[in-house]
Amino acid sequence: TDPVNKYLPKDIPALEFNGKPISLEGLSNHSSGLPRLPDNLKEVMEDNPYKNYDEQAMMEFLKQVKLTREQGAEYEYSNFAVGLLGVILEKVYKKPYDQLVLEKICQPLQMNQTEQYIVNKDSGLFVSGHNEQGRPVSQWDFKAIAAAGALRTNTTDLIKYANANLFTTIAALNKALQLTQVKTFSKGTNEVGLGWHFIQLNDHMIISH
């Protein structure tokens, strides 16, 4: 529940509306009031939109962003907010985002095929994306917004991750995994935990994303 400004440079104005600050929780559950994408996301290749968006550009956006509502007033999916959360985690732990994922998630779960950067030994395993016309397109590369979707993995590692979330089999991660599945935002049909989204389907609760 810490305000995000606690972890940002001092020249970033208070990120708040009506005196209510944006918190780390709001970044994670898409209720912060920050937009899906920053309006200074420019001069990038159309097929690789996040490649050149760095922390300096992120902080410049935060200096001039105009919030229009309090945190928690509405749900608005925000890649920018999740990217900002990743940058804050880097500052807190003084380590790059990909190293944090490796140490805190992948190694305990033995997810050995999950990484942010494709190294040469794995390049032959990386599946190229295609557009609507069936032509290969560039992979997406990330700088400041890495936490919104920079990881590459395979089905084996995804099954390990799903299993850990369903059955909390790794003692060192049990508390953290359970915390992510606690609902922190609910309005209308939108129910969100820390990243996870909840959908009621008949008698079943689907936890996704």
N, C-alpha and C. Protein backbone atom coordinates (compact mmCIF):
# COMPACT_ATOMS: atom_id res chain seq x y z
N THR A 1 0.81 -1.21 0.00
CA THR A 1 0.00 0.00 0.00
C THR A 1 0.85 1.27 0.00
N ASP A 2 2.17 1.14 -0.08
CA ASP A 2 3.04 2.31 -0.15
C ASP A 2 2.70 3.18 -1.35
N PRO A 3 2.78 4.51 -1.21
CA PRO A 3 2.64 5.37 -2.38
C PRO A 3 3.83 5.21 -3.31
N VAL A 4 3.60 5.28 -4.61
CA VAL A 4 4.69 5.06 -5.56
C VAL A 4 5.76 6.13 -5.44
N ASN A 5 5.38 7.35 -5.07
CA ASN A 5 6.38 8.42 -4.97
C ASN A 5 7.48 8.13 -3.97
N LYS A 6 7.21 7.25 -3.01
CA LYS A 6 8.23 6.87 -2.03
C LYS A 6 9.46 6.29 -2.72
N TYR A 7 9.28 5.71 -3.90
CA TYR A 7 10.35 5.00 -4.58
C TYR A 7 10.79 5.70 -5.87
N LEU A 8 10.32 6.92 -6.10
CA LEU A 8 10.63 7.65 -7.32
C LEU A 8 11.53 8.85 -7.02
N PRO A 9 12.21 9.38 -8.04
CA PRO A 9 13.03 10.58 -7.84
C PRO A 9 12.21 11.73 -7.23
N LYS A 10 12.88 12.59 -6.49
CA LYS A 10 12.19 13.67 -5.77
C LYS A 10 11.55 14.68 -6.70
N ASP A 11 12.01 14.75 -7.96
CA ASP A 11 11.44 15.75 -8.87
C ASP A 11 10.17 15.27 -9.56
N ILE A 12 9.71 14.06 -9.21
CA ILE A 12 8.43 13.58 -9.74
C ILE A 12 7.32 14.14 -8.85
N PRO A 13 6.37 14.89 -9.40
CA PRO A 13 5.28 15.43 -8.59
C PRO A 13 4.47 14.32 -7.94
N ALA A 14 3.75 14.66 -6.89
CA ALA A 14 2.92 13.67 -6.20
C ALA A 14 1.90 13.08 -7.17
N LEU A 15 1.94 11.78 -7.33
CA LEU A 15 1.01 11.09 -8.22
C LEU A 15 -0.25 10.77 -7.42
N GLU A 16 -1.19 11.70 -7.43
CA GLU A 16 -2.39 11.56 -6.63
C GLU A 16 -3.52 12.35 -7.26
N PHE A 17 -4.74 12.01 -6.87
CA PHE A 17 -5.93 12.73 -7.32
C PHE A 17 -6.84 12.91 -6.11
N ASN A 18 -7.28 14.13 -5.89
CA ASN A 18 -8.09 14.46 -4.70
C ASN A 18 -7.39 14.04 -3.41
N GLY A 19 -6.07 14.14 -3.41
CA GLY A 19 -5.31 13.80 -2.22
C GLY A 19 -5.08 12.32 -2.00
N LYS A 20 -5.58 11.48 -2.90
CA LYS A 20 -5.41 10.03 -2.77
C LYS A 20 -4.27 9.57 -3.68
N PRO A 21 -3.16 9.09 -3.10
CA PRO A 21 -2.00 8.75 -3.93
C PRO A 21 -2.14 7.40 -4.64
N ILE A 22 -1.41 7.27 -5.73
CA ILE A 22 -1.28 5.97 -6.39
C ILE A 22 -0.36 5.10 -5.55
N SER A 23 -0.75 3.86 -5.32
CA SER A 23 0.06 2.93 -4.53
C SER A 23 0.62 1.83 -5.41
N LEU A 24 1.55 1.07 -4.85
CA LEU A 24 2.09 -0.10 -5.57
C LEU A 24 0.97 -1.07 -5.93
N GLU A 25 0.03 -1.23 -5.01
CA GLU A 25 -1.11 -2.12 -5.26
C GLU A 25 -1.90 -1.67 -6.48
N GLY A 26 -2.11 -0.35 -6.61
CA GLY A 26 -2.86 0.17 -7.75
C GLY A 26 -2.17 -0.07 -9.07
N LEU A 27 -0.82 -0.06 -9.07
CA LEU A 27 -0.09 -0.38 -10.29
C LEU A 27 -0.34 -1.82 -10.70
N SER A 28 -0.43 -2.71 -9.72
CA SER A 28 -0.55 -4.13 -10.00
C SER A 28 -1.95 -4.56 -10.38
N ASN A 29 -2.98 -3.89 -9.84
CA ASN A 29 -4.34 -4.33 -10.13
C ASN A 29 -5.06 -3.46 -11.16
N HIS A 30 -4.31 -2.61 -11.85
CA HIS A 30 -4.85 -1.82 -12.97
C HIS A 30 -5.96 -0.86 -12.54
N SER A 31 -5.81 -0.29 -11.35
CA SER A 31 -6.79 0.70 -10.89
C SER A 31 -6.13 2.03 -10.55
N SER A 32 -4.88 2.21 -10.97
CA SER A 32 -4.10 3.38 -10.56
C SER A 32 -4.62 4.69 -11.14
N GLY A 33 -5.23 4.61 -12.31
CA GLY A 33 -5.61 5.82 -13.03
C GLY A 33 -4.61 6.20 -14.09
N LEU A 34 -3.45 5.54 -14.12
CA LEU A 34 -2.49 5.76 -15.19
C LEU A 34 -3.00 5.14 -16.48
N PRO A 35 -2.69 5.72 -17.63
CA PRO A 35 -3.21 5.20 -18.91
C PRO A 35 -2.56 3.89 -19.31
N ARG A 36 -3.16 3.23 -20.27
CA ARG A 36 -2.61 1.97 -20.78
C ARG A 36 -1.19 2.16 -21.29
N LEU A 37 -0.97 3.24 -22.05
CA LEU A 37 0.34 3.55 -22.59
C LEU A 37 0.62 5.04 -22.41
N PRO A 38 1.87 5.43 -22.24
CA PRO A 38 2.20 6.85 -22.09
C PRO A 38 2.12 7.57 -23.43
N ASP A 39 1.81 8.86 -23.39
CA ASP A 39 1.68 9.59 -24.65
C ASP A 39 3.02 10.00 -25.24
N ASN A 40 4.13 9.72 -24.55
CA ASN A 40 5.43 9.99 -25.14
C ASN A 40 6.09 8.72 -25.66
N LEU A 41 5.29 7.71 -25.92
CA LEU A 41 5.79 6.49 -26.56
C LEU A 41 5.83 6.78 -28.06
N LYS A 42 6.95 7.27 -28.53
CA LYS A 42 7.07 7.72 -29.91
C LYS A 42 8.44 7.37 -30.45
N GLU A 43 8.60 7.61 -31.74
CA GLU A 43 9.86 7.34 -32.40
C GLU A 43 10.32 5.91 -32.17
N VAL A 44 9.37 4.99 -32.27
CA VAL A 44 9.69 3.57 -32.13
C VAL A 44 9.20 2.85 -33.36
N MET A 45 9.80 1.70 -33.63
CA MET A 45 9.35 0.91 -34.77
C MET A 45 7.95 0.40 -34.50
N GLU A 46 7.11 0.43 -35.52
CA GLU A 46 5.71 0.04 -35.33
C GLU A 46 5.59 -1.41 -34.89
N ASP A 47 6.47 -2.27 -35.37
CA ASP A 47 6.36 -3.69 -35.04
C ASP A 47 7.16 -4.06 -33.79
N ASN A 48 7.78 -3.10 -33.13
CA ASN A 48 8.53 -3.35 -31.90
C ASN A 48 8.37 -2.13 -31.00
N PRO A 49 7.16 -1.89 -30.50
CA PRO A 49 6.79 -0.58 -29.94
C PRO A 49 7.51 -0.16 -28.67
N TYR A 50 8.00 -1.10 -27.88
CA TYR A 50 8.59 -0.74 -26.58
C TYR A 50 10.11 -0.71 -26.59
N LYS A 51 10.70 -1.00 -27.72
CA LYS A 51 12.15 -1.24 -27.80
C LYS A 51 12.98 -0.09 -27.24
N ASN A 52 12.61 1.15 -27.53
CA ASN A 52 13.44 2.30 -27.16
C ASN A 52 12.87 3.11 -26.00
N TYR A 53 11.82 2.61 -25.37
CA TYR A 53 11.22 3.36 -24.26
C TYR A 53 11.96 3.04 -22.98
N ASP A 54 12.77 4.00 -22.51
CA ASP A 54 13.64 3.76 -21.36
C ASP A 54 13.12 4.46 -20.10
N GLU A 55 13.87 4.31 -19.01
CA GLU A 55 13.45 4.87 -17.73
C GLU A 55 13.38 6.39 -17.77
N GLN A 56 14.28 7.02 -18.51
CA GLN A 56 14.25 8.48 -18.62
C GLN A 56 12.93 8.95 -19.23
N ALA A 57 12.50 8.26 -20.30
CA ALA A 57 11.22 8.61 -20.93
C ALA A 57 10.06 8.38 -19.97
N MET A 58 10.14 7.31 -19.19
CA MET A 58 9.09 7.01 -18.22
C MET A 58 8.98 8.12 -17.18
N MET A 59 10.11 8.58 -16.66
CA MET A 59 10.10 9.63 -15.63
C MET A 59 9.63 10.96 -16.22
N GLU A 60 9.99 11.24 -17.47
CA GLU A 60 9.52 12.46 -18.11
C GLU A 60 7.99 12.45 -18.25
N PHE A 61 7.44 11.29 -18.55
CA PHE A 61 5.98 11.19 -18.63
C PHE A 61 5.34 11.43 -17.27
N LEU A 62 5.93 10.86 -16.22
CA LEU A 62 5.36 11.02 -14.88
C LEU A 62 5.40 12.47 -14.40
N LYS A 63 6.34 13.26 -14.92
CA LYS A 63 6.43 14.66 -14.53
C LYS A 63 5.26 15.49 -15.07
N GLN A 64 4.66 15.03 -16.17
CA GLN A 64 3.62 15.85 -16.79
C GLN A 64 2.25 15.16 -16.88
N VAL A 65 2.14 13.91 -16.42
CA VAL A 65 0.87 13.20 -16.54
C VAL A 65 -0.21 13.89 -15.70
N LYS A 66 -1.41 13.98 -16.24
CA LYS A 66 -2.55 14.57 -15.53
C LYS A 66 -3.56 13.47 -15.22
N LEU A 67 -3.65 13.11 -13.96
CA LEU A 67 -4.62 12.08 -13.56
C LEU A 67 -6.03 12.66 -13.61
N THR A 68 -7.00 11.82 -13.93
CA THR A 68 -8.38 12.28 -14.06
C THR A 68 -9.32 11.66 -13.04
N ARG A 69 -8.79 10.76 -12.19
CA ARG A 69 -9.65 10.11 -11.20
C ARG A 69 -8.79 9.51 -10.10
N GLU A 70 -9.43 9.20 -8.99
CA GLU A 70 -8.74 8.57 -7.88
C GLU A 70 -8.39 7.12 -8.20
N GLN A 71 -7.33 6.64 -7.56
CA GLN A 71 -7.04 5.21 -7.65
C GLN A 71 -8.22 4.43 -7.11
N GLY A 72 -8.58 3.37 -7.81
CA GLY A 72 -9.67 2.51 -7.38
C GLY A 72 -11.03 2.91 -7.93
N ALA A 73 -11.11 4.06 -8.59
CA ALA A 73 -12.40 4.51 -9.12
C ALA A 73 -12.84 3.67 -10.30
N GLU A 74 -11.88 3.27 -11.14
CA GLU A 74 -12.19 2.51 -12.34
C GLU A 74 -11.08 1.51 -12.62
N TYR A 75 -11.41 0.50 -13.41
CA TYR A 75 -10.42 -0.44 -13.94
C TYR A 75 -9.96 0.07 -15.30
N GLU A 76 -8.65 0.18 -15.49
CA GLU A 76 -8.11 0.50 -16.81
C GLU A 76 -6.78 -0.23 -16.96
N TYR A 77 -6.78 -1.22 -17.82
CA TYR A 77 -5.58 -2.03 -18.01
C TYR A 77 -4.43 -1.13 -18.43
N SER A 78 -3.28 -1.26 -17.78
CA SER A 78 -2.17 -0.35 -18.03
C SER A 78 -0.84 -1.08 -18.09
N ASN A 79 -0.30 -1.24 -19.30
CA ASN A 79 1.06 -1.75 -19.44
C ASN A 79 2.05 -0.79 -18.80
N PHE A 80 1.77 0.51 -18.89
CA PHE A 80 2.68 1.49 -18.31
C PHE A 80 2.78 1.32 -16.80
N ALA A 81 1.64 1.13 -16.13
CA ALA A 81 1.64 0.99 -14.67
C ALA A 81 2.43 -0.25 -14.24
N VAL A 82 2.24 -1.35 -14.93
CA VAL A 82 2.97 -2.58 -14.58
C VAL A 82 4.45 -2.40 -14.86
N GLY A 83 4.78 -1.71 -15.96
CA GLY A 83 6.18 -1.42 -16.25
C GLY A 83 6.81 -0.57 -15.16
N LEU A 84 6.06 0.43 -14.68
CA LEU A 84 6.54 1.27 -13.59
C LEU A 84 6.78 0.46 -12.33
N LEU A 85 5.89 -0.48 -12.04
CA LEU A 85 6.08 -1.35 -10.88
C LEU A 85 7.38 -2.13 -11.01
N GLY A 86 7.68 -2.61 -12.20
CA GLY A 86 8.94 -3.32 -12.42
C GLY A 86 10.15 -2.45 -12.17
N VAL A 87 10.10 -1.20 -12.63
CA VAL A 87 11.20 -0.27 -12.42
C VAL A 87 11.39 0.01 -10.93
N ILE A 88 10.29 0.15 -10.20
CA ILE A 88 10.37 0.37 -8.75
C ILE A 88 11.01 -0.83 -8.05
N LEU A 89 10.64 -2.03 -8.46
CA LEU A 89 11.24 -3.24 -7.87
C LEU A 89 12.74 -3.26 -8.12
N GLU A 90 13.16 -2.82 -9.32
CA GLU A 90 14.59 -2.76 -9.61
C GLU A 90 15.30 -1.80 -8.66
N LYS A 91 14.66 -0.68 -8.34
CA LYS A 91 15.25 0.31 -7.44
C LYS A 91 15.32 -0.24 -6.01
N VAL A 92 14.27 -0.93 -5.58
CA VAL A 92 14.24 -1.46 -4.22
C VAL A 92 15.31 -2.52 -4.01
N TYR A 93 15.42 -3.44 -4.98
CA TYR A 93 16.33 -4.57 -4.82
C TYR A 93 17.71 -4.33 -5.44
N LYS A 94 17.83 -3.19 -6.21
CA LYS A 94 19.10 -2.82 -6.85
C LYS A 94 19.60 -3.93 -7.77
N LYS A 95 18.65 -4.51 -8.51
CA LYS A 95 18.98 -5.55 -9.48
C LYS A 95 18.07 -5.38 -10.70
N PRO A 96 18.53 -5.81 -11.88
CA PRO A 96 17.69 -5.74 -13.08
C PRO A 96 16.46 -6.63 -12.93
N TYR A 97 15.38 -6.25 -13.62
CA TYR A 97 14.12 -6.99 -13.54
C TYR A 97 14.31 -8.47 -13.88
N ASP A 98 15.04 -8.77 -14.96
CA ASP A 98 15.18 -10.16 -15.38
C ASP A 98 15.93 -10.98 -14.34
N GLN A 99 16.88 -10.35 -13.63
CA GLN A 99 17.61 -11.07 -12.58
C GLN A 99 16.70 -11.34 -11.39
N LEU A 100 15.82 -10.40 -11.06
CA LEU A 100 14.87 -10.61 -9.97
C LEU A 100 13.93 -11.78 -10.28
N VAL A 101 13.42 -11.82 -11.51
CA VAL A 101 12.54 -12.93 -11.91
C VAL A 101 13.28 -14.26 -11.80
N LEU A 102 14.53 -14.27 -12.25
CA LEU A 102 15.33 -15.50 -12.20
C LEU A 102 15.53 -15.96 -10.76
N GLU A 103 15.94 -15.05 -9.88
CA GLU A 103 16.28 -15.44 -8.52
C GLU A 103 15.07 -15.77 -7.67
N LYS A 104 14.00 -14.99 -7.82
CA LYS A 104 12.86 -15.11 -6.91
C LYS A 104 11.78 -16.08 -7.40
N ILE A 105 11.76 -16.35 -8.70
CA ILE A 105 10.70 -17.22 -9.24
C ILE A 105 11.27 -18.43 -9.98
N CYS A 106 12.11 -18.16 -10.97
CA CYS A 106 12.55 -19.25 -11.85
C CYS A 106 13.42 -20.28 -11.13
N GLN A 107 14.39 -19.82 -10.37
CA GLN A 107 15.27 -20.79 -9.71
C GLN A 107 14.55 -21.63 -8.67
N PRO A 108 13.72 -21.04 -7.78
CA PRO A 108 13.00 -21.89 -6.82
C PRO A 108 12.07 -22.89 -7.50
N LEU A 109 11.49 -22.52 -8.64
CA LEU A 109 10.55 -23.40 -9.33
C LEU A 109 11.22 -24.25 -10.40
N GLN A 110 12.53 -24.12 -10.51
CA GLN A 110 13.29 -24.85 -11.53
C GLN A 110 12.73 -24.59 -12.93
N MET A 111 12.40 -23.35 -13.17
CA MET A 111 11.97 -22.91 -14.50
C MET A 111 13.23 -22.50 -15.27
N ASN A 112 13.81 -23.47 -15.97
CA ASN A 112 15.13 -23.28 -16.57
C ASN A 112 15.08 -22.77 -18.01
N GLN A 113 13.88 -22.57 -18.54
CA GLN A 113 13.74 -22.11 -19.92
C GLN A 113 12.97 -20.79 -20.00
N THR A 114 13.09 -19.99 -18.97
CA THR A 114 12.40 -18.69 -18.93
C THR A 114 13.44 -17.60 -18.81
N GLU A 115 13.39 -16.64 -19.72
CA GLU A 115 14.38 -15.57 -19.72
C GLU A 115 13.82 -14.34 -20.44
N GLN A 116 14.43 -13.21 -20.19
CA GLN A 116 14.01 -11.98 -20.88
C GLN A 116 14.74 -11.83 -22.21
N TYR A 117 16.00 -12.19 -22.23
CA TYR A 117 16.82 -12.01 -23.43
C TYR A 117 17.16 -13.38 -24.01
N ILE A 118 16.92 -13.55 -25.29
CA ILE A 118 17.23 -14.81 -25.96
C ILE A 118 18.72 -14.87 -26.23
N VAL A 119 19.40 -15.80 -25.61
CA VAL A 119 20.83 -15.97 -25.83
C VAL A 119 21.04 -16.92 -27.00
N ASN A 120 22.26 -16.94 -27.53
CA ASN A 120 22.54 -17.68 -28.75
C ASN A 120 22.15 -19.15 -28.66
N LYS A 121 22.41 -19.76 -27.50
CA LYS A 121 22.13 -21.19 -27.38
C LYS A 121 20.64 -21.51 -27.47
N ASP A 122 19.80 -20.49 -27.21
CA ASP A 122 18.35 -20.71 -27.24
C ASP A 122 17.68 -20.13 -28.49
N SER A 123 18.43 -19.47 -29.35
CA SER A 123 17.82 -18.77 -30.47
C SER A 123 17.07 -19.71 -31.41
N GLY A 124 17.55 -20.95 -31.53
CA GLY A 124 16.86 -21.90 -32.40
C GLY A 124 15.55 -22.40 -31.84
N LEU A 125 15.30 -22.15 -30.55
CA LEU A 125 14.07 -22.59 -29.91
C LEU A 125 13.00 -21.50 -29.91
N PHE A 126 13.40 -20.28 -30.28
CA PHE A 126 12.48 -19.15 -30.18
C PHE A 126 11.58 -19.10 -31.42
N VAL A 127 10.28 -19.15 -31.19
CA VAL A 127 9.31 -19.17 -32.28
C VAL A 127 9.01 -17.74 -32.72
N SER A 128 9.14 -17.49 -34.01
CA SER A 128 8.86 -16.16 -34.55
C SER A 128 7.36 -15.90 -34.61
N GLY A 129 6.98 -14.67 -34.29
CA GLY A 129 5.58 -14.27 -34.44
C GLY A 129 5.27 -13.92 -35.89
N HIS A 130 3.98 -13.91 -36.23
CA HIS A 130 3.55 -13.60 -37.59
C HIS A 130 2.38 -12.62 -37.54
N ASN A 131 2.24 -11.84 -38.59
CA ASN A 131 1.12 -10.90 -38.66
C ASN A 131 -0.09 -11.54 -39.34
N GLU A 132 -1.13 -10.72 -39.59
CA GLU A 132 -2.38 -11.25 -40.15
C GLU A 132 -2.19 -11.82 -41.56
N GLN A 133 -1.15 -11.35 -42.24
CA GLN A 133 -0.88 -11.84 -43.60
C GLN A 133 0.03 -13.07 -43.60
N GLY A 134 0.41 -13.54 -42.40
CA GLY A 134 1.25 -14.72 -42.31
C GLY A 134 2.73 -14.45 -42.47
N ARG A 135 3.12 -13.17 -42.46
CA ARG A 135 4.53 -12.82 -42.60
C ARG A 135 5.20 -12.70 -41.23
N PRO A 136 6.45 -13.17 -41.12
CA PRO A 136 7.16 -13.05 -39.84
C PRO A 136 7.32 -11.58 -39.43
N VAL A 137 7.22 -11.32 -38.15
CA VAL A 137 7.40 -9.96 -37.63
C VAL A 137 8.43 -9.99 -36.51
N SER A 138 8.90 -8.81 -36.16
CA SER A 138 9.92 -8.68 -35.12
C SER A 138 9.40 -9.16 -33.77
N GLN A 139 10.30 -9.73 -32.99
CA GLN A 139 9.97 -9.96 -31.58
C GLN A 139 9.86 -8.61 -30.90
N TRP A 140 9.22 -8.57 -29.74
CA TRP A 140 9.14 -7.33 -28.97
C TRP A 140 10.28 -7.29 -27.96
N ASP A 141 10.95 -6.16 -27.91
CA ASP A 141 12.03 -5.94 -26.95
C ASP A 141 11.63 -4.82 -26.00
N PHE A 142 12.10 -4.89 -24.78
CA PHE A 142 11.66 -3.97 -23.75
C PHE A 142 12.84 -3.34 -23.01
N LYS A 143 12.61 -2.12 -22.54
CA LYS A 143 13.51 -1.47 -21.59
C LYS A 143 12.73 -1.20 -20.31
N ALA A 144 12.16 0.01 -20.19
CA ALA A 144 11.50 0.38 -18.93
C ALA A 144 10.20 -0.36 -18.67
N ILE A 145 9.53 -0.84 -19.72
CA ILE A 145 8.22 -1.48 -19.52
C ILE A 145 8.36 -3.00 -19.55
N ALA A 146 9.53 -3.50 -19.19
CA ALA A 146 9.80 -4.94 -19.26
C ALA A 146 8.80 -5.77 -18.46
N ALA A 147 8.38 -5.28 -17.29
CA ALA A 147 7.50 -6.06 -16.42
C ALA A 147 6.13 -6.31 -17.05
N ALA A 148 5.81 -5.60 -18.10
CA ALA A 148 4.51 -5.78 -18.75
C ALA A 148 4.50 -6.92 -19.76
N GLY A 149 5.68 -7.52 -20.05
CA GLY A 149 5.62 -8.63 -20.99
C GLY A 149 6.90 -8.99 -21.69
N ALA A 150 8.04 -8.91 -20.99
CA ALA A 150 9.32 -9.13 -21.65
C ALA A 150 9.81 -10.58 -21.60
N LEU A 151 9.12 -11.44 -20.87
CA LEU A 151 9.66 -12.78 -20.64
C LEU A 151 9.36 -13.74 -21.79
N ARG A 152 10.32 -14.62 -22.07
CA ARG A 152 10.12 -15.72 -23.02
C ARG A 152 10.21 -17.02 -22.25
N THR A 153 9.36 -17.96 -22.62
CA THR A 153 9.34 -19.22 -21.86
C THR A 153 8.82 -20.34 -22.76
N ASN A 154 8.57 -21.50 -22.19
CA ASN A 154 7.99 -22.61 -22.95
C ASN A 154 6.90 -23.29 -22.11
N THR A 155 6.23 -24.26 -22.70
CA THR A 155 5.10 -24.87 -22.02
C THR A 155 5.52 -25.62 -20.76
N THR A 156 6.70 -26.21 -20.76
CA THR A 156 7.17 -26.94 -19.58
C THR A 156 7.28 -26.01 -18.38
N ASP A 157 7.90 -24.85 -18.57
CA ASP A 157 8.03 -23.90 -17.48
C ASP A 157 6.69 -23.31 -17.08
N LEU A 158 5.80 -23.09 -18.04
CA LEU A 158 4.48 -22.55 -17.71
C LEU A 158 3.69 -23.53 -16.84
N ILE A 159 3.84 -24.82 -17.11
CA ILE A 159 3.17 -25.83 -16.29
C ILE A 159 3.73 -25.81 -14.86
N LYS A 160 5.04 -25.65 -14.73
CA LYS A 160 5.65 -25.55 -13.40
C LYS A 160 5.10 -24.34 -12.65
N TYR A 161 4.96 -23.22 -13.36
CA TYR A 161 4.46 -22.00 -12.73
C TYR A 161 2.99 -22.15 -12.34
N ALA A 162 2.19 -22.71 -13.24
CA ALA A 162 0.77 -22.93 -12.93
C ALA A 162 0.62 -23.87 -11.75
N ASN A 163 1.40 -24.93 -11.74
CA ASN A 163 1.33 -25.90 -10.66
C ASN A 163 1.65 -25.25 -9.31
N ALA A 164 2.67 -24.39 -9.29
CA ALA A 164 3.05 -23.73 -8.04
C ALA A 164 1.93 -22.81 -7.56
N ASN A 165 1.24 -22.15 -8.49
CA ASN A 165 0.15 -21.26 -8.11
C ASN A 165 -1.09 -22.03 -7.66
N LEU A 166 -1.31 -23.18 -8.25
CA LEU A 166 -2.49 -23.97 -7.89
C LEU A 166 -2.29 -24.70 -6.56
N PHE A 167 -1.10 -25.21 -6.34
CA PHE A 167 -0.89 -26.11 -5.20
C PHE A 167 0.15 -25.59 -4.20
N THR A 168 0.76 -24.42 -4.49
CA THR A 168 1.76 -23.82 -3.60
C THR A 168 2.69 -24.87 -3.01
N THR A 169 3.43 -25.52 -3.89
CA THR A 169 4.26 -26.65 -3.50
C THR A 169 5.65 -26.24 -3.04
N ILE A 170 6.04 -25.00 -3.28
CA ILE A 170 7.38 -24.55 -2.90
C ILE A 170 7.25 -23.67 -1.66
N ALA A 171 7.71 -24.15 -0.54
CA ALA A 171 7.49 -23.48 0.74
C ALA A 171 7.97 -22.03 0.72
N ALA A 172 9.11 -21.79 0.08
CA ALA A 172 9.69 -20.44 0.08
C ALA A 172 8.80 -19.44 -0.66
N LEU A 173 7.93 -19.94 -1.53
CA LEU A 173 7.10 -19.05 -2.34
C LEU A 173 5.63 -19.08 -1.94
N ASN A 174 5.24 -19.96 -1.05
CA ASN A 174 3.82 -20.14 -0.74
C ASN A 174 3.12 -18.83 -0.36
N LYS A 175 3.70 -18.08 0.58
CA LYS A 175 3.06 -16.87 1.06
C LYS A 175 2.89 -15.84 -0.06
N ALA A 176 3.94 -15.69 -0.86
CA ALA A 176 3.89 -14.72 -1.95
C ALA A 176 2.86 -15.11 -3.01
N LEU A 177 2.84 -16.39 -3.38
CA LEU A 177 1.90 -16.84 -4.40
C LEU A 177 0.46 -16.69 -3.92
N GLN A 178 0.21 -17.01 -2.68
CA GLN A 178 -1.13 -16.86 -2.13
C GLN A 178 -1.56 -15.40 -2.08
N LEU A 179 -0.60 -14.52 -1.77
CA LEU A 179 -0.91 -13.09 -1.70
C LEU A 179 -1.33 -12.55 -3.06
N THR A 180 -0.73 -13.04 -4.13
CA THR A 180 -1.10 -12.54 -5.46
C THR A 180 -2.54 -12.86 -5.82
N GLN A 181 -3.11 -13.89 -5.21
CA GLN A 181 -4.46 -14.32 -5.55
C GLN A 181 -5.53 -13.75 -4.61
N VAL A 182 -5.13 -12.82 -3.77
CA VAL A 182 -6.11 -12.11 -2.93
C VAL A 182 -6.65 -10.92 -3.73
N LYS A 183 -7.97 -10.81 -3.84
CA LYS A 183 -8.57 -9.73 -4.62
C LYS A 183 -8.29 -8.38 -3.96
N THR A 184 -7.78 -7.45 -4.75
CA THR A 184 -7.49 -6.12 -4.24
C THR A 184 -8.31 -5.05 -4.95
N PHE A 185 -9.04 -5.42 -5.99
CA PHE A 185 -9.91 -4.46 -6.69
C PHE A 185 -11.13 -5.20 -7.21
N SER A 186 -12.29 -4.59 -7.02
CA SER A 186 -13.53 -5.19 -7.51
C SER A 186 -14.50 -4.08 -7.87
N LYS A 187 -14.90 -4.06 -9.14
CA LYS A 187 -15.90 -3.11 -9.59
C LYS A 187 -16.55 -3.63 -10.85
N GLY A 188 -17.85 -3.78 -10.81
CA GLY A 188 -18.57 -4.34 -11.95
C GLY A 188 -18.11 -5.76 -12.21
N THR A 189 -17.72 -6.04 -13.45
CA THR A 189 -17.26 -7.38 -13.81
C THR A 189 -15.75 -7.53 -13.64
N ASN A 190 -15.08 -6.48 -13.22
CA ASN A 190 -13.62 -6.52 -13.08
C ASN A 190 -13.21 -6.82 -11.65
N GLU A 191 -12.55 -7.96 -11.46
CA GLU A 191 -12.01 -8.34 -10.17
C GLU A 191 -10.54 -8.73 -10.37
N VAL A 192 -9.66 -8.10 -9.60
CA VAL A 192 -8.23 -8.28 -9.84
C VAL A 192 -7.51 -8.46 -8.51
N GLY A 193 -6.49 -9.31 -8.52
CA GLY A 193 -5.60 -9.45 -7.38
C GLY A 193 -4.34 -8.66 -7.65
N LEU A 194 -3.18 -9.26 -7.40
CA LEU A 194 -1.92 -8.63 -7.78
C LEU A 194 -1.50 -9.22 -9.13
N GLY A 195 -2.07 -8.64 -10.18
CA GLY A 195 -1.81 -9.14 -11.53
C GLY A 195 -2.85 -10.12 -12.03
N TRP A 196 -3.25 -11.07 -11.18
CA TRP A 196 -4.26 -12.05 -11.59
C TRP A 196 -5.63 -11.40 -11.76
N HIS A 197 -6.37 -11.88 -12.76
CA HIS A 197 -7.75 -11.44 -13.00
C HIS A 197 -8.70 -12.60 -12.69
N PHE A 198 -9.86 -12.28 -12.13
CA PHE A 198 -10.81 -13.30 -11.70
C PHE A 198 -12.10 -13.20 -12.52
N ILE A 199 -12.56 -14.35 -13.01
CA ILE A 199 -13.79 -14.41 -13.80
C ILE A 199 -14.66 -15.54 -13.26
N GLN A 200 -15.90 -15.22 -12.88
CA GLN A 200 -16.82 -16.26 -12.41
C GLN A 200 -17.50 -16.90 -13.60
N LEU A 201 -17.35 -18.20 -13.76
CA LEU A 201 -17.97 -18.95 -14.86
C LEU A 201 -18.81 -20.06 -14.26
N ASN A 202 -20.13 -19.83 -14.24
CA ASN A 202 -21.04 -20.77 -13.58
C ASN A 202 -20.60 -20.96 -12.13
N ASP A 203 -20.26 -22.18 -11.74
CA ASP A 203 -19.86 -22.42 -10.36
C ASP A 203 -18.34 -22.37 -10.16
N HIS A 204 -17.63 -21.95 -11.18
CA HIS A 204 -16.16 -21.98 -11.12
C HIS A 204 -15.57 -20.58 -11.17
N MET A 205 -14.53 -20.36 -10.39
CA MET A 205 -13.78 -19.12 -10.46
C MET A 205 -12.55 -19.35 -11.31
N ILE A 206 -12.45 -18.63 -12.41
CA ILE A 206 -11.30 -18.73 -13.30
C ILE A 206 -10.31 -17.64 -12.94
N ILE A 207 -9.07 -18.03 -12.67
CA ILE A 207 -8.00 -17.08 -12.38
C ILE A 207 -7.07 -17.07 -13.59
N SER A 208 -6.90 -15.89 -14.20
CA SER A 208 -6.19 -15.86 -15.48
C SER A 208 -5.24 -14.66 -15.57
N HIS A 209 -4.52 -14.63 -16.66
CA HIS A 209 -3.61 -13.56 -17.04
C HIS A 209 -2.40 -13.55 -16.13
